[in-house]
């Protein structure tokens, strides 16, 4: 929880802490963004995948990681992450989440271009 007037992050006694991190699958060796929860900041419980790899034809099919979360003024959250393509190239992606905590599942945002 970010406290604006003190300009620092504080512990939320109602919900505890949520950590987003990069994990590697034992099944396919690909990186995914995971979440874990803690009531005290010392003992963590894994909550699973919150951002999976893209579909087979997507630019980030070979891995996603390095999550950075920003809370927006409208109450939603955005995750900026690194994605890896089939050829080893990397790029920055963004995913949006209306929920919060380890139950959150992020959905990719797609840019719309027009000429």
Foldseek 3Di string as FASTA:
>chain_A
DADVVVGDDDADQVFGDKDWFWDADPVPRAIAIWMWGDNPVPDIDTLGGQGAADPPPDQQNRYKGDWDWDQDPVRKIKIWIWGAGPVRDIDIWIWIWNDDHRVIHTHTDDDDDDD
